[in-house]
Every structure is written in C-alpha cells, then in structure tokens.
Amino acid sequence: MRLPDTSPGTLVRTLPAPLSKAAGVVVDHLRHGTFQRSMSLLVAGTSVVSGMEVAYPRGYMRLEEGEAEPWEADEQRYDWAAPQDTLSDGSGQAPAADSSPRGQAGAH
C-alpha cells in the first residue's frame, strides 16, 4: 500500500493559484526558521511588558501598616449592614480569634 505524498510542498501545489504563492511563502518561512524567530521576538516583547507590570510594586503594595501614599486621598469608611434576611451578617459578632481553621489565621 502506497501512502499519498503529504509534504508541505505538495500540499501547496494542490491549492488554487491565488493561494499557492502565499502558502509557498509561509512554508518557506517555516523551513528557514524566520517564522519561529518572528514568534520568539513577539513572545520576548510581551514578556518584557508583562515583567514591567509585575515589577511596578505600588499597584499591589501599601506603605507600612497599610498607610496611604502621601499623594493619595484619605479613604472614607462607612458602616454597612447586610439585609436582615441574609446569612452573610450572621449574629453581628466577629468570631473568636482561635476559631479560625487550622493554618488559616490571618491568611486572608
């Protein structure tokens, strides 16, 4: 049993004329590694941008003891109570300090 030739060059030759030239260029880029180089440059560029985002700490951190930066406006706090028919407000009392699950104290 003879298998049909499915090499990229043969597949390009089976395409209609308007598409075969463009497909031939793509196959040529893949053979010579220019496609891989282009993709690696694209990935490197996006990695640099992502690294710059992560390296900028002020978006994720506050000053000591949670104080705001000098240029930030003071936050206005307000009291909020859940509606009476919900379970989220419970008894209105905070749980005891030792009632947290093991290993979860202060990990919120």
PDB file of N, CA and C in Angstrom:
ATOM      1  N   MET A   1       0.838  -1.178   0.000  1.00  0.00           N
ATOM      2  CA  MET A   1       0.000   0.000   0.000  1.00  0.00           C
ATOM      3  C   MET A   1       0.886   1.246   0.000  1.00  0.00           C
ATOM      4  N   ARG A   2       0.637   2.117  -0.918  1.00  0.00           N
ATOM      5  CA  ARG A   2       1.441   3.321  -1.043  1.00  0.00           C
ATOM      6  C   ARG A   2       0.661   4.495  -0.461  1.00  0.00           C
ATOM      7  N   LEU A   3       1.310   5.250   0.450  1.00  0.00           N
ATOM      8  CA  LEU A   3       0.674   6.408   1.071  1.00  0.00           C
ATOM      9  C   LEU A   3       0.850   7.631   0.174  1.00  0.00           C
ATOM     10  N   PRO A   4      -0.134   8.506   0.141  1.00  0.00           N
ATOM     11  CA  PRO A   4      -0.013   9.717  -0.679  1.00  0.00           C
ATOM     12  C   PRO A   4       1.031  10.664  -0.086  1.00  0.00           C
ATOM     13  N   ASP A   5       1.632  11.461  -0.958  1.00  0.00           N
ATOM     14  CA  ASP A   5       2.624  12.442  -0.522  1.00  0.00           C
ATOM     15  C   ASP A   5       1.904  13.624   0.119  1.00  0.00           C
ATOM     16  N   THR A   6       2.166  13.839   1.407  1.00  0.00           N
ATOM     17  CA  THR A   6       1.517  14.947   2.125  1.00  0.00           C
ATOM     18  C   THR A   6       2.542  15.973   2.584  1.00  0.00           C
ATOM     19  N   SER A   7       3.650  16.076   1.876  1.00  0.00           N
ATOM     20  CA  SER A   7       4.660  17.064   2.255  1.00  0.00           C
ATOM     21  C   SER A   7       4.106  18.470   2.029  1.00  0.00           C
ATOM     22  N   PRO A   8       4.636  19.461   2.729  1.00  0.00           N
ATOM     23  CA  PRO A   8       4.126  20.827   2.573  1.00  0.00           C
ATOM     24  C   PRO A   8       4.198  21.335   1.142  1.00  0.00           C
ATOM     25  N   GLY A   9       5.281  21.014   0.424  1.00  0.00           N
ATOM     26  CA  GLY A   9       5.413  21.469  -0.957  1.00  0.00           C
ATOM     27  C   GLY A   9       4.323  20.917  -1.849  1.00  0.00           C
ATOM     28  N   THR A  10       3.991  19.646  -1.660  1.00  0.00           N
ATOM     29  CA  THR A  10       2.941  19.023  -2.459  1.00  0.00           C
ATOM     30  C   THR A  10       1.581  19.621  -2.123  1.00  0.00           C
ATOM     31  N   LEU A  11       1.341  19.854  -0.845  1.00  0.00           N
ATOM     32  CA  LEU A  11       0.063  20.450  -0.448  1.00  0.00           C
ATOM     33  C   LEU A  11      -0.092  21.867  -0.996  1.00  0.00           C
ATOM     34  N   VAL A  12       1.016  22.622  -1.047  1.00  0.00           N
ATOM     35  CA  VAL A  12       0.957  23.979  -1.595  1.00  0.00           C
ATOM     36  C   VAL A  12       0.617  23.931  -3.082  1.00  0.00           C
ATOM     37  N   ARG A  13       1.180  22.964  -3.803  1.00  0.00           N
ATOM     38  CA  ARG A  13       0.917  22.862  -5.245  1.00  0.00           C
ATOM     39  C   ARG A  13      -0.525  22.479  -5.543  1.00  0.00           C
ATOM     40  N   THR A  14      -1.234  21.878  -4.595  1.00  0.00           N
ATOM     41  CA  THR A  14      -2.623  21.491  -4.829  1.00  0.00           C
ATOM     42  C   THR A  14      -3.601  22.646  -4.592  1.00  0.00           C
ATOM     43  N   LEU A  15      -3.126  23.728  -4.018  1.00  0.00           N
ATOM     44  CA  LEU A  15      -4.001  24.879  -3.756  1.00  0.00           C
ATOM     45  C   LEU A  15      -4.264  25.660  -5.040  1.00  0.00           C
ATOM     46  N   PRO A  16      -5.345  26.429  -5.080  1.00  0.00           N
ATOM     47  CA  PRO A  16      -5.598  27.295  -6.237  1.00  0.00           C
ATOM     48  C   PRO A  16      -4.473  28.326  -6.389  1.00  0.00           C
ATOM     49  N   ALA A  17      -4.297  28.829  -7.593  1.00  0.00           N
ATOM     50  CA  ALA A  17      -3.187  29.737  -7.911  1.00  0.00           C
ATOM     51  C   ALA A  17      -3.104  30.960  -6.994  1.00  0.00           C
ATOM     52  N   PRO A  18      -4.218  31.637  -6.685  1.00  0.00           N
ATOM     53  CA  PRO A  18      -4.084  32.824  -5.820  1.00  0.00           C
ATOM     54  C   PRO A  18      -3.550  32.496  -4.424  1.00  0.00           C
ATOM     55  N   LEU A  19      -3.833  31.293  -3.927  1.00  0.00           N
ATOM     56  CA  LEU A  19      -3.402  30.928  -2.576  1.00  0.00           C
ATOM     57  C   LEU A  19      -2.045  30.238  -2.551  1.00  0.00           C
ATOM     58  N   SER A  20      -1.649  29.625  -3.665  1.00  0.00           N
ATOM     59  CA  SER A  20      -0.427  28.819  -3.646  1.00  0.00           C
ATOM     60  C   SER A  20       0.813  29.672  -3.428  1.00  0.00           C
ATOM     61  N   LYS A  21       0.858  30.883  -3.981  1.00  0.00           N
ATOM     62  CA  LYS A  21       2.034  31.732  -3.788  1.00  0.00           C
ATOM     63  C   LYS A  21       2.170  32.133  -2.315  1.00  0.00           C
ATOM     64  N   ALA A  22       1.072  32.570  -1.698  1.00  0.00           N
ATOM     65  CA  ALA A  22       1.114  32.959  -0.281  1.00  0.00           C
ATOM     66  C   ALA A  22       1.442  31.762   0.602  1.00  0.00           C
ATOM     67  N   ALA A  23       0.856  30.620   0.323  1.00  0.00           N
ATOM     68  CA  ALA A  23       1.137  29.419   1.110  1.00  0.00           C
ATOM     69  C   ALA A  23       2.588  28.989   0.933  1.00  0.00           C
ATOM     70  N   GLY A  24       3.121  29.173  -0.284  1.00  0.00           N
ATOM     71  CA  GLY A  24       4.530  28.848  -0.521  1.00  0.00           C
ATOM     72  C   GLY A  24       5.457  29.725   0.298  1.00  0.00           C
ATOM     73  N   VAL A  25       5.115  31.007   0.434  1.00  0.00           N
ATOM     74  CA  VAL A  25       5.915  31.917   1.255  1.00  0.00           C
ATOM     75  C   VAL A  25       5.875  31.480   2.717  1.00  0.00           C
ATOM     76  N   VAL A  26       4.705  31.090   3.194  1.00  0.00           N
ATOM     77  CA  VAL A  26       4.568  30.637   4.588  1.00  0.00           C
ATOM     78  C   VAL A  26       5.400  29.384   4.817  1.00  0.00           C
ATOM     79  N   VAL A  27       5.323  28.421   3.903  1.00  0.00           N
ATOM     80  CA  VAL A  27       6.095  27.185   4.044  1.00  0.00           C
ATOM     81  C   VAL A  27       7.589  27.491   4.003  1.00  0.00           C
ATOM     82  N   ASP A  28       7.998  28.413   3.123  1.00  0.00           N
ATOM     83  CA  ASP A  28       9.402  28.789   3.041  1.00  0.00           C
ATOM     84  C   ASP A  28       9.872  29.429   4.349  1.00  0.00           C
ATOM     85  N   HIS A  29       9.041  30.289   4.943  1.00  0.00           N
ATOM     86  CA  HIS A  29       9.386  30.903   6.229  1.00  0.00           C
ATOM     87  C   HIS A  29       9.514  29.841   7.320  1.00  0.00           C
ATOM     88  N   LEU A  30       8.648  28.848   7.293  1.00  0.00           N
ATOM     89  CA  LEU A  30       8.721  27.779   8.287  1.00  0.00           C
ATOM     90  C   LEU A  30       9.981  26.943   8.098  1.00  0.00           C
ATOM     91  N   ARG A  31      10.336  26.665   6.854  1.00  0.00           N
ATOM     92  CA  ARG A  31      11.539  25.860   6.584  1.00  0.00           C
ATOM     93  C   ARG A  31      12.807  26.565   7.025  1.00  0.00           C
ATOM     94  N   HIS A  32      12.887  27.861   6.818  1.00  0.00           N
ATOM     95  CA  HIS A  32      14.115  28.596   7.107  1.00  0.00           C
ATOM     96  C   HIS A  32      14.158  29.174   8.514  1.00  0.00           C
ATOM     97  N   GLY A  33      13.115  29.008   9.294  1.00  0.00           N
ATOM     98  CA  GLY A  33      13.123  29.436  10.692  1.00  0.00           C
ATOM     99  C   GLY A  33      12.772  30.890  10.912  1.00  0.00           C
ATOM    100  N   THR A  34      12.400  31.622   9.866  1.00  0.00           N
ATOM    101  CA  THR A  34      12.068  33.030  10.082  1.00  0.00           C
ATOM    102  C   THR A  34      10.750  33.188  10.833  1.00  0.00           C
ATOM    103  N   PHE A  35       9.833  32.255  10.664  1.00  0.00           N
ATOM    104  CA  PHE A  35       8.569  32.309  11.397  1.00  0.00           C
ATOM    105  C   PHE A  35       8.835  32.133  12.892  1.00  0.00           C
ATOM    106  N   GLN A  36       9.692  31.161  13.218  1.00  0.00           N
ATOM    107  CA  GLN A  36       9.993  30.917  14.623  1.00  0.00           C
ATOM    108  C   GLN A  36      10.698  32.114  15.243  1.00  0.00           C
ATOM    109  N   ARG A  37      11.598  32.751  14.503  1.00  0.00           N
ATOM    110  CA  ARG A  37      12.270  33.938  15.011  1.00  0.00           C
ATOM    111  C   ARG A  37      11.281  35.067  15.249  1.00  0.00           C
ATOM    112  N   SER A  38      10.359  35.239  14.319  1.00  0.00           N
ATOM    113  CA  SER A  38       9.358  36.294  14.488  1.00  0.00           C
ATOM    114  C   SER A  38       8.499  36.040  15.714  1.00  0.00           C
ATOM    115  N   MET A  39       8.091  34.787  15.889  1.00  0.00           N
ATOM    116  CA  MET A  39       7.268  34.450  17.059  1.00  0.00           C
ATOM    117  C   MET A  39       8.062  34.626  18.354  1.00  0.00           C
ATOM    118  N   SER A  40       9.349  34.267  18.344  1.00  0.00           N
ATOM    119  CA  SER A  40      10.143  34.417  19.563  1.00  0.00           C
ATOM    120  C   SER A  40      10.333  35.882  19.913  1.00  0.00           C
ATOM    121  N   LEU A  41      10.483  36.752  18.906  1.00  0.00           N
ATOM    122  CA  LEU A  41      10.574  38.188  19.183  1.00  0.00           C
ATOM    123  C   LEU A  41       9.268  38.726  19.745  1.00  0.00           C
ATOM    124  N   LEU A  42       8.162  38.245  19.227  1.00  0.00           N
ATOM    125  CA  LEU A  42       6.860  38.674  19.736  1.00  0.00           C
ATOM    126  C   LEU A  42       6.677  38.238  21.189  1.00  0.00           C
ATOM    127  N   VAL A  43       7.040  37.000  21.493  1.00  0.00           N
ATOM    128  CA  VAL A  43       6.919  36.496  22.867  1.00  0.00           C
ATOM    129  C   VAL A  43       7.862  37.247  23.798  1.00  0.00           C
ATOM    130  N   ALA A  44       9.077  37.534  23.332  1.00  0.00           N
ATOM    131  CA  ALA A  44      10.027  38.275  24.165  1.00  0.00           C
ATOM    132  C   ALA A  44       9.494  39.669  24.477  1.00  0.00           C
ATOM    133  N   GLY A  45       8.904  40.327  23.480  1.00  0.00           N
ATOM    134  CA  GLY A  45       8.346  41.663  23.710  1.00  0.00           C
ATOM    135  C   GLY A  45       7.216  41.650  24.712  1.00  0.00           C
ATOM    136  N   THR A  46       6.320  40.701  24.584  1.00  0.00           N
ATOM    137  CA  THR A  46       5.202  40.641  25.534  1.00  0.00           C
ATOM    138  C   THR A  46       5.690  40.253  26.926  1.00  0.00           C
ATOM    139  N   SER A  47       6.745  39.448  27.004  1.00  0.00           N
ATOM    140  CA  SER A  47       7.295  39.089  28.314  1.00  0.00           C
ATOM    141  C   SER A  47       7.906  40.293  29.003  1.00  0.00           C
ATOM    142  N   VAL A  48       8.577  41.149  28.235  1.00  0.00           N
ATOM    143  CA  VAL A  48       9.158  42.358  28.816  1.00  0.00           C
ATOM    144  C   VAL A  48       8.055  43.261  29.366  1.00  0.00           C
ATOM    145  N   VAL A  49       6.988  43.438  28.606  1.00  0.00           N
ATOM    146  CA  VAL A  49       5.880  44.279  29.069  1.00  0.00           C
ATOM    147  C   VAL A  49       5.241  43.679  30.311  1.00  0.00           C
ATOM    148  N   SER A  50       5.057  42.369  30.323  1.00  0.00           N
ATOM    149  CA  SER A  50       4.478  41.709  31.490  1.00  0.00           C
ATOM    150  C   SER A  50       5.397  41.844  32.705  1.00  0.00           C
ATOM    151  N   GLY A  51       6.680  41.713  32.493  1.00  0.00           N
ATOM    152  CA  GLY A  51       7.638  41.867  33.588  1.00  0.00           C
ATOM    153  C   GLY A  51       7.645  43.274  34.151  1.00  0.00           C
ATOM    154  N   MET A  52       7.490  44.272  33.281  1.00  0.00           N
ATOM    155  CA  MET A  52       7.432  45.644  33.763  1.00  0.00           C
ATOM    156  C   MET A  52       6.193  45.868  34.616  1.00  0.00           C
ATOM    157  N   GLU A  53       5.099  45.238  34.248  1.00  0.00           N
ATOM    158  CA  GLU A  53       3.871  45.377  35.026  1.00  0.00           C
ATOM    159  C   GLU A  53       4.040  44.771  36.411  1.00  0.00           C
ATOM    160  N   VAL A  54       4.664  43.616  36.477  1.00  0.00           N
ATOM    161  CA  VAL A  54       4.843  42.934  37.758  1.00  0.00           C
ATOM    162  C   VAL A  54       5.894  43.642  38.606  1.00  0.00           C
ATOM    163  N   ALA A  55       6.899  44.219  37.966  1.00  0.00           N
ATOM    164  CA  ALA A  55       7.975  44.874  38.711  1.00  0.00           C
ATOM    165  C   ALA A  55       7.536  46.189  39.339  1.00  0.00           C
ATOM    166  N   TYR A  56       6.432  46.751  38.897  1.00  0.00           N
ATOM    167  CA  TYR A  56       5.954  48.006  39.472  1.00  0.00           C
ATOM    168  C   TYR A  56       5.172  47.684  40.739  1.00  0.00           C
ATOM    169  N   PRO A  57       5.769  47.899  41.901  1.00  0.00           N
ATOM    170  CA  PRO A  57       5.163  47.389  43.142  1.00  0.00           C
ATOM    171  C   PRO A  57       4.006  48.208  43.695  1.00  0.00           C
ATOM    172  N   ARG A  58       3.893  49.464  43.381  1.00  0.00           N
ATOM    173  CA  ARG A  58       2.901  50.284  44.045  1.00  0.00           C
ATOM    174  C   ARG A  58       1.464  49.907  43.696  1.00  0.00           C
ATOM    175  N   GLY A  59       1.253  49.199  42.631  1.00  0.00           N
ATOM    176  CA  GLY A  59      -0.099  48.772  42.320  1.00  0.00           C
ATOM    177  C   GLY A  59      -0.591  47.694  43.257  1.00  0.00           C
ATOM    178  N   TYR A  60       0.342  47.033  43.939  1.00  0.00           N
ATOM    179  CA  TYR A  60      -0.019  45.890  44.772  1.00  0.00           C
ATOM    180  C   TYR A  60       0.310  46.093  46.247  1.00  0.00           C
ATOM    181  N   MET A  61       1.094  47.094  46.578  1.00  0.00           N
ATOM    182  CA  MET A  61       1.550  47.236  47.964  1.00  0.00           C
ATOM    183  C   MET A  61       1.116  48.580  48.544  1.00  0.00           C
ATOM    184  N   ARG A  62       1.108  48.644  49.832  1.00  0.00           N
ATOM    185  CA  ARG A  62       0.863  49.889  50.558  1.00  0.00           C
ATOM    186  C   ARG A  62       2.107  50.163  51.402  1.00  0.00           C
ATOM    187  N   LEU A  63       2.144  51.328  52.014  1.00  0.00           N
ATOM    188  CA  LEU A  63       3.231  51.639  52.921  1.00  0.00           C
ATOM    189  C   LEU A  63       3.080  50.819  54.195  1.00  0.00           C
ATOM    190  N   GLU A  64       3.991  51.012  55.117  1.00  0.00           N
ATOM    191  CA  GLU A  64       3.930  50.252  56.369  1.00  0.00           C
ATOM    192  C   GLU A  64       2.593  50.451  57.059  1.00  0.00           C
ATOM    193  N   GLU A  65       2.091  49.395  57.632  1.00  0.00           N
ATOM    194  CA  GLU A  65       0.824  49.376  58.364  1.00  0.00           C
ATOM    195  C   GLU A  65      -0.348  49.842  57.519  1.00  0.00           C
ATOM    196  N   GLY A  66      -0.261  49.656  56.214  1.00  0.00           N
ATOM    197  CA  GLY A  66      -1.369  49.949  55.329  1.00  0.00           C
ATOM    198  C   GLY A  66      -1.635  51.419  55.085  1.00  0.00           C
ATOM    199  N   GLU A  67      -0.692  52.284  55.441  1.00  0.00           N
ATOM    200  CA  GLU A  67      -0.891  53.719  55.248  1.00  0.00           C
ATOM    201  C   GLU A  67      -0.904  54.052  53.762  1.00  0.00           C
ATOM    202  N   ALA A  68      -1.633  55.090  53.413  1.00  0.00           N
ATOM    203  CA  ALA A  68      -1.707  55.520  52.017  1.00  0.00           C
ATOM    204  C   ALA A  68      -0.458  56.306  51.640  1.00  0.00           C
ATOM    205  N   GLU A  69      -0.201  56.384  50.354  1.00  0.00           N
ATOM    206  CA  GLU A  69       0.886  57.229  49.854  1.00  0.00           C
ATOM    207  C   GLU A  69       0.547  58.686  50.164  1.00  0.00           C
ATOM    208  N   PRO A  70       1.549  59.562  50.252  1.00  0.00           N
ATOM    209  CA  PRO A  70       1.264  60.963  50.594  1.00  0.00           C
ATOM    210  C   PRO A  70       0.326  61.648  49.607  1.00  0.00           C
ATOM    211  N   TRP A  71       0.348  61.251  48.355  1.00  0.00           N
ATOM    212  CA  TRP A  71      -0.496  61.926  47.362  1.00  0.00           C
ATOM    213  C   TRP A  71      -1.898  61.331  47.259  1.00  0.00           C
ATOM    214  N   GLU A  72      -2.153  60.219  47.937  1.00  0.00           N
ATOM    215  CA  GLU A  72      -3.470  59.591  47.868  1.00  0.00           C
ATOM    216  C   GLU A  72      -4.451  60.282  48.808  1.00  0.00           C
ATOM    217  N   ALA A  73      -5.694  60.337  48.401  1.00  0.00           N
ATOM    218  CA  ALA A  73      -6.745  60.911  49.246  1.00  0.00           C
ATOM    219  C   ALA A  73      -7.092  59.918  50.346  1.00  0.00           C
ATOM    220  N   ASP A  74      -7.492  60.446  51.496  1.00  0.00           N
ATOM    221  CA  ASP A  74      -7.918  59.570  52.589  1.00  0.00           C
ATOM    222  C   ASP A  74      -9.172  58.809  52.181  1.00  0.00           C
ATOM    223  N   GLU A  75      -9.198  57.534  52.543  1.00  0.00           N
ATOM    224  CA  GLU A  75     -10.372  56.730  52.239  1.00  0.00           C
ATOM    225  C   GLU A  75     -11.493  57.068  53.206  1.00  0.00           C
ATOM    226  N   GLN A  76     -12.690  57.085  52.686  1.00  0.00           N
ATOM    227  CA  GLN A  76     -13.842  57.316  53.557  1.00  0.00           C
ATOM    228  C   GLN A  76     -14.466  55.964  53.872  1.00  0.00           C
ATOM    229  N   ARG A  77     -14.462  55.604  55.127  1.00  0.00           N
ATOM    230  CA  ARG A  77     -15.050  54.332  55.554  1.00  0.00           C
ATOM    231  C   ARG A  77     -16.503  54.566  55.953  1.00  0.00           C
ATOM    232  N   TYR A  78     -17.315  53.568  55.767  1.00  0.00           N
ATOM    233  CA  TYR A  78     -18.708  53.670  56.181  1.00  0.00           C
ATOM    234  C   TYR A  78     -19.153  52.328  56.734  1.00  0.00           C
ATOM    235  N   ASP A  79     -20.145  52.375  57.597  1.00  0.00           N
ATOM    236  CA  ASP A  79     -20.692  51.147  58.170  1.00  0.00           C
ATOM    237  C   ASP A  79     -21.685  50.550  57.195  1.00  0.00           C
ATOM    238  N   TRP A  80     -21.637  49.253  57.089  1.00  0.00           N
ATOM    239  CA  TRP A  80     -22.543  48.557  56.188  1.00  0.00           C
ATOM    240  C   TRP A  80     -23.127  47.372  56.927  1.00  0.00           C
ATOM    241  N   ALA A  81     -24.391  47.191  56.815  1.00  0.00           N
ATOM    242  CA  ALA A  81     -25.051  46.049  57.431  1.00  0.00           C
ATOM    243  C   ALA A  81     -25.778  45.284  56.333  1.00  0.00           C
ATOM    244  N   ALA A  82     -25.661  43.984  56.385  1.00  0.00           N
ATOM    245  CA  ALA A  82     -26.340  43.147  55.400  1.00  0.00           C
ATOM    246  C   ALA A  82     -27.844  43.190  55.653  1.00  0.00           C
ATOM    247  N   PRO A  83     -28.656  42.951  54.632  1.00  0.00           N
ATOM    248  CA  PRO A  83     -30.106  42.890  54.851  1.00  0.00           C
ATOM    249  C   PRO A  83     -30.455  41.817  55.894  1.00  0.00           C
ATOM    250  N   GLN A  84     -31.564  41.983  56.553  1.00  0.00           N
ATOM    251  CA  GLN A  84     -31.964  41.095  57.647  1.00  0.00           C
ATOM    252  C   GLN A  84     -32.160  39.643  57.214  1.00  0.00           C
ATOM    253  N   ASP A  85     -32.570  39.413  55.970  1.00  0.00           N
ATOM    254  CA  ASP A  85     -32.889  38.048  55.554  1.00  0.00           C
ATOM    255  C   ASP A  85     -31.702  37.305  54.927  1.00  0.00           C
ATOM    256  N   THR A  86     -30.477  37.812  55.096  1.00  0.00           N
ATOM    257  CA  THR A  86     -29.312  37.119  54.536  1.00  0.00           C
ATOM    258  C   THR A  86     -28.507  36.453  55.640  1.00  0.00           C
ATOM    259  N   LEU A  87     -27.691  35.495  55.235  1.00  0.00           N
ATOM    260  CA  LEU A  87     -26.843  34.790  56.192  1.00  0.00           C
ATOM    261  C   LEU A  87     -25.478  35.450  56.338  1.00  0.00           C
ATOM    262  N   SER A  88     -25.161  36.416  55.477  1.00  0.00           N
ATOM    263  CA  SER A  88     -23.817  36.978  55.483  1.00  0.00           C
ATOM    264  C   SER A  88     -23.517  37.821  56.710  1.00  0.00           C
ATOM    265  N   ASP A  89     -24.511  38.364  57.355  1.00  0.00           N
ATOM    266  CA  ASP A  89     -24.260  39.186  58.522  1.00  0.00           C
ATOM    267  C   ASP A  89     -24.332  38.379  59.811  1.00  0.00           C
ATOM    268  N   GLY A  90     -24.899  37.205  59.760  1.00  0.00           N
ATOM    269  CA  GLY A  90     -24.931  36.295  60.903  1.00  0.00           C
ATOM    270  C   GLY A  90     -25.405  36.938  62.174  1.00  0.00           C
ATOM    271  N   SER A  91     -24.663  36.700  63.241  1.00  0.00           N
ATOM    272  CA  SER A  91     -25.060  37.211  64.550  1.00  0.00           C
ATOM    273  C   SER A  91     -24.597  38.637  64.778  1.00  0.00           C
ATOM    274  N   GLY A  92     -23.774  39.155  63.890  1.00  0.00           N
ATOM    275  CA  GLY A  92     -23.283  40.512  64.062  1.00  0.00           C
ATOM    276  C   GLY A  92     -22.024  40.579  64.895  1.00  0.00           C
ATOM    277  N   GLN A  93     -21.549  39.430  65.388  1.00  0.00           N
ATOM    278  CA  GLN A  93     -20.338  39.404  66.194  1.00  0.00           C
ATOM    279  C   GLN A  93     -19.226  38.733  65.405  1.00  0.00           C
ATOM    280  N   ALA A  94     -18.024  39.219  65.590  1.00  0.00           N
ATOM    281  CA  ALA A  94     -16.867  38.619  64.925  1.00  0.00           C
ATOM    282  C   ALA A  94     -16.536  37.307  65.624  1.00  0.00           C
ATOM    283  N   PRO A  95     -16.054  36.303  64.893  1.00  0.00           N
ATOM    284  CA  PRO A  95     -15.687  35.040  65.532  1.00  0.00           C
ATOM    285  C   PRO A  95     -14.487  35.227  66.454  1.00  0.00           C
ATOM    286  N   ALA A  96     -14.362  34.335  67.398  1.00  0.00           N
ATOM    287  CA  ALA A  96     -13.243  34.398  68.334  1.00  0.00           C
ATOM    288  C   ALA A  96     -11.939  34.170  67.577  1.00  0.00           C
ATOM    289  N   ALA A  97     -10.833  34.684  68.128  1.00  0.00           N
ATOM    290  CA  ALA A  97      -9.540  34.611  67.444  1.00  0.00           C
ATOM    291  C   ALA A  97      -9.093  33.171  67.215  1.00  0.00           C
ATOM    292  N   ASP A  98      -9.447  32.262  68.114  1.00  0.00           N
ATOM    293  CA  ASP A  98      -8.985  30.881  67.975  1.00  0.00           C
ATOM    294  C   ASP A  98      -9.959  30.007  67.194  1.00  0.00           C
ATOM    295  N   SER A  99     -11.004  30.575  66.616  1.00  0.00           N
ATOM    296  CA  SER A  99     -11.986  29.757  65.910  1.00  0.00           C
ATOM    297  C   SER A  99     -11.686  29.604  64.424  1.00  0.00           C
ATOM    298  N   SER A 100     -10.571  30.185  63.965  1.00  0.00           N
ATOM    299  CA  SER A 100     -10.251  30.031  62.533  1.00  0.00           C
ATOM    300  C   SER A 100      -9.723  28.619  62.252  1.00  0.00           C
ATOM    301  N   PRO A 101      -9.932  28.112  61.012  1.00  0.00           N
ATOM    302  CA  PRO A 101      -9.441  26.788  60.683  1.00  0.00           C
ATOM    303  C   PRO A 101      -7.917  26.711  60.860  1.00  0.00           C
ATOM    304  N   ARG A 102      -7.434  25.532  61.116  1.00  0.00           N
ATOM    305  CA  ARG A 102      -6.017  25.344  61.356  1.00  0.00           C
ATOM    306  C   ARG A 102      -5.184  25.872  60.198  1.00  0.00           C
ATOM    307  N   GLY A 103      -4.187  26.686  60.511  1.00  0.00           N
ATOM    308  CA  GLY A 103      -3.282  27.210  59.493  1.00  0.00           C
ATOM    309  C   GLY A 103      -3.845  28.363  58.678  1.00  0.00           C
ATOM    310  N   GLN A 104      -5.032  28.827  58.972  1.00  0.00           N
ATOM    311  CA  GLN A 104      -5.635  29.878  58.186  1.00  0.00           C
ATOM    312  C   GLN A 104      -5.706  31.211  58.924  1.00  0.00           C
ATOM    313  N   ALA A 105      -5.175  31.298  60.100  1.00  0.00           N
ATOM    314  CA  ALA A 105      -5.270  32.533  60.879  1.00  0.00           C
ATOM    315  C   ALA A 105      -4.526  33.654  60.173  1.00  0.00           C
ATOM    316  N   GLY A 106      -5.193  34.715  59.846  1.00  0.00           N
ATOM    317  CA  GLY A 106      -4.575  35.868  59.224  1.00  0.00           C
ATOM    318  C   GLY A 106      -4.195  35.688  57.772  1.00  0.00           C
ATOM    319  N   ALA A 107      -4.667  34.667  57.123  1.00  0.00           N
ATOM    320  CA  ALA A 107      -4.280  34.385  55.728  1.00  0.00           C
ATOM    321  C   ALA A 107      -5.340  34.857  54.750  1.00  0.00           C
ATOM    322  N   HIS A 108      -5.954  35.958  54.989  1.00  0.00           N
ATOM    323  CA  HIS A 108      -6.999  36.441  54.086  1.00  0.00           C
ATOM    324  C   HIS A 108      -6.510  37.543  53.207  1.00  0.00           C
TER     325      HIS A 108
END
